[in-house]
Amino acid sequence: MLEVDQKHEYEAMQPPVQSSSSKLAMAVGGIGTHVLAFVIFLMMYFVLSDFNGGTAPLEWGSFLLHPLLMTLAFGFFSPIGTVVYGSYERLFRMDHASAKVVHMAVQG
């Protein structure tokens, strides 16, 4: 009984996505975030590779690995995790528990 009440309380807190234009805006924003996060990571990877003389900056102990991993964390996983938590429930009809699991997997 308590779980049902909590679910209804959670659903009451969620703003409904009513119009198709708001769904479209949410989808475009979510897709754009995924694409931009990937582009940012690739740009950083190629800039660091060029700076490193054409070799990948993936050698453990290399200073260039640090900005690459920071870009991966804050430029890739952070925005995608935010979009997952905010829009996957509404766009893909994912239940709240599943959205939390995906969010946790991306955010760590």
Protein backbone atom coordinates (compact mmCIF):
# COMPACT_ATOMS: atom_id res chain seq x y z
CA MET A 1 0.00 0.00 0.00
CA LEU A 2 2.82 2.36 0.86
CA GLU A 3 4.58 1.76 -2.48
CA VAL A 4 1.42 2.59 -4.44
CA ASP A 5 0.95 5.82 -2.48
CA GLN A 6 4.59 6.81 -3.08
CA LYS A 7 4.25 6.11 -6.80
CA HIS A 8 1.15 8.28 -7.09
CA GLU A 9 2.85 10.99 -5.06
CA TYR A 10 5.88 10.87 -7.40
CA GLU A 11 3.69 10.97 -10.51
CA ALA A 12 1.83 13.97 -9.09
CA MET A 13 5.16 15.80 -8.73
CA GLN A 14 6.11 15.19 -12.38
CA PRO A 15 5.00 17.85 -14.83
CA PRO A 16 3.05 16.12 -17.58
CA VAL A 17 4.29 16.28 -21.13
CA GLN A 18 1.08 17.35 -22.78
CA SER A 19 1.69 18.63 -26.26
CA SER A 20 3.58 17.03 -29.11
CA SER A 21 5.69 20.19 -29.43
CA SER A 22 6.96 19.84 -25.86
CA LYS A 23 7.76 16.16 -26.49
CA LEU A 24 9.59 17.18 -29.65
CA ALA A 25 11.56 19.83 -27.77
CA MET A 26 12.49 17.31 -25.09
CA ALA A 27 13.55 14.75 -27.72
CA VAL A 28 15.62 17.28 -29.66
CA GLY A 29 17.27 18.46 -26.44
CA GLY A 30 18.02 14.90 -25.34
CA ILE A 31 19.41 13.85 -28.71
CA GLY A 32 21.38 17.07 -28.98
CA THR A 33 22.91 16.50 -25.57
CA HIS A 34 23.98 12.98 -26.51
CA VAL A 35 25.50 14.16 -29.81
CA LEU A 36 27.26 17.19 -28.32
CA ALA A 37 28.71 15.15 -25.45
CA PHE A 38 30.17 12.68 -27.94
CA VAL A 39 31.53 15.50 -30.16
CA ILE A 40 33.14 17.26 -27.18
CA PHE A 41 34.88 14.07 -26.13
CA LEU A 42 36.11 13.34 -29.67
CA MET A 43 37.38 16.91 -30.11
CA MET A 44 39.31 16.72 -26.86
CA TYR A 45 40.73 13.32 -27.81
CA PHE A 46 41.99 14.56 -31.19
CA VAL A 47 43.37 17.82 -29.78
CA LEU A 48 45.30 15.92 -27.11
CA SER A 49 46.50 13.37 -29.68
CA ASP A 50 47.78 16.19 -31.87
CA PHE A 51 49.44 17.84 -28.88
CA ASN A 52 51.04 14.48 -28.01
CA GLY A 53 52.71 14.16 -31.43
CA GLY A 54 49.96 12.15 -33.09
CA THR A 55 49.78 9.33 -30.54
CA ALA A 56 46.79 8.68 -28.34
CA PRO A 57 46.97 10.25 -24.85
CA LEU A 58 46.03 6.98 -23.18
CA GLU A 59 49.32 6.05 -21.55
CA TRP A 60 48.87 5.55 -17.82
CA GLY A 61 50.84 8.14 -15.89
CA SER A 62 50.77 10.63 -18.75
CA PHE A 63 49.50 14.07 -17.81
CA LEU A 64 47.42 14.18 -21.00
CA LEU A 65 45.32 11.32 -19.70
CA HIS A 66 44.04 13.57 -16.90
CA PRO A 67 42.25 16.17 -19.09
CA LEU A 68 40.93 13.37 -21.31
CA LEU A 69 39.36 11.57 -18.35
CA MET A 70 38.02 14.83 -16.93
CA THR A 71 36.39 15.56 -20.28
CA LEU A 72 34.94 12.06 -20.31
CA ALA A 73 33.53 12.55 -16.81
CA PHE A 74 32.22 16.11 -16.99
CA GLY A 75 31.70 16.57 -20.73
CA PHE A 76 30.25 13.17 -21.57
CA PHE A 77 28.84 11.21 -18.63
CA SER A 78 27.52 14.16 -16.61
CA PRO A 79 25.27 15.68 -19.31
CA ILE A 80 24.06 12.28 -20.48
CA GLY A 81 23.27 11.22 -16.92
CA THR A 82 21.27 14.39 -16.41
CA VAL A 83 19.28 13.84 -19.59
CA VAL A 84 18.67 10.18 -18.70
CA TYR A 85 17.19 11.09 -15.34
CA GLY A 86 15.11 13.97 -16.63
CA SER A 87 13.67 12.77 -19.90
CA TYR A 88 13.87 9.00 -20.35
CA GLU A 89 10.85 8.47 -18.07
CA ARG A 90 8.70 10.83 -20.08
CA LEU A 91 9.93 10.09 -23.60
CA PHE A 92 10.45 6.34 -23.45
CA ARG A 93 7.79 5.57 -20.81
CA MET A 94 10.53 4.11 -18.62
CA ASP A 95 9.45 3.47 -15.06
CA HIS A 96 11.14 5.54 -12.35
CA ALA A 97 13.20 2.66 -10.93
CA SER A 98 14.66 1.81 -14.36
CA ALA A 99 15.49 5.45 -15.06
CA LYS A 100 17.28 5.62 -11.72
CA VAL A 101 19.31 2.51 -12.56
CA VAL A 102 20.36 3.90 -15.95
CA HIS A 103 21.15 7.25 -14.35
CA MET A 104 23.25 5.53 -11.67
CA ALA A 105 25.11 3.47 -14.29
CA VAL A 106 26.01 6.59 -16.28
CA GLN A 107 26.72 8.87 -13.32
CA GLY A 108 28.43 6.28 -11.15
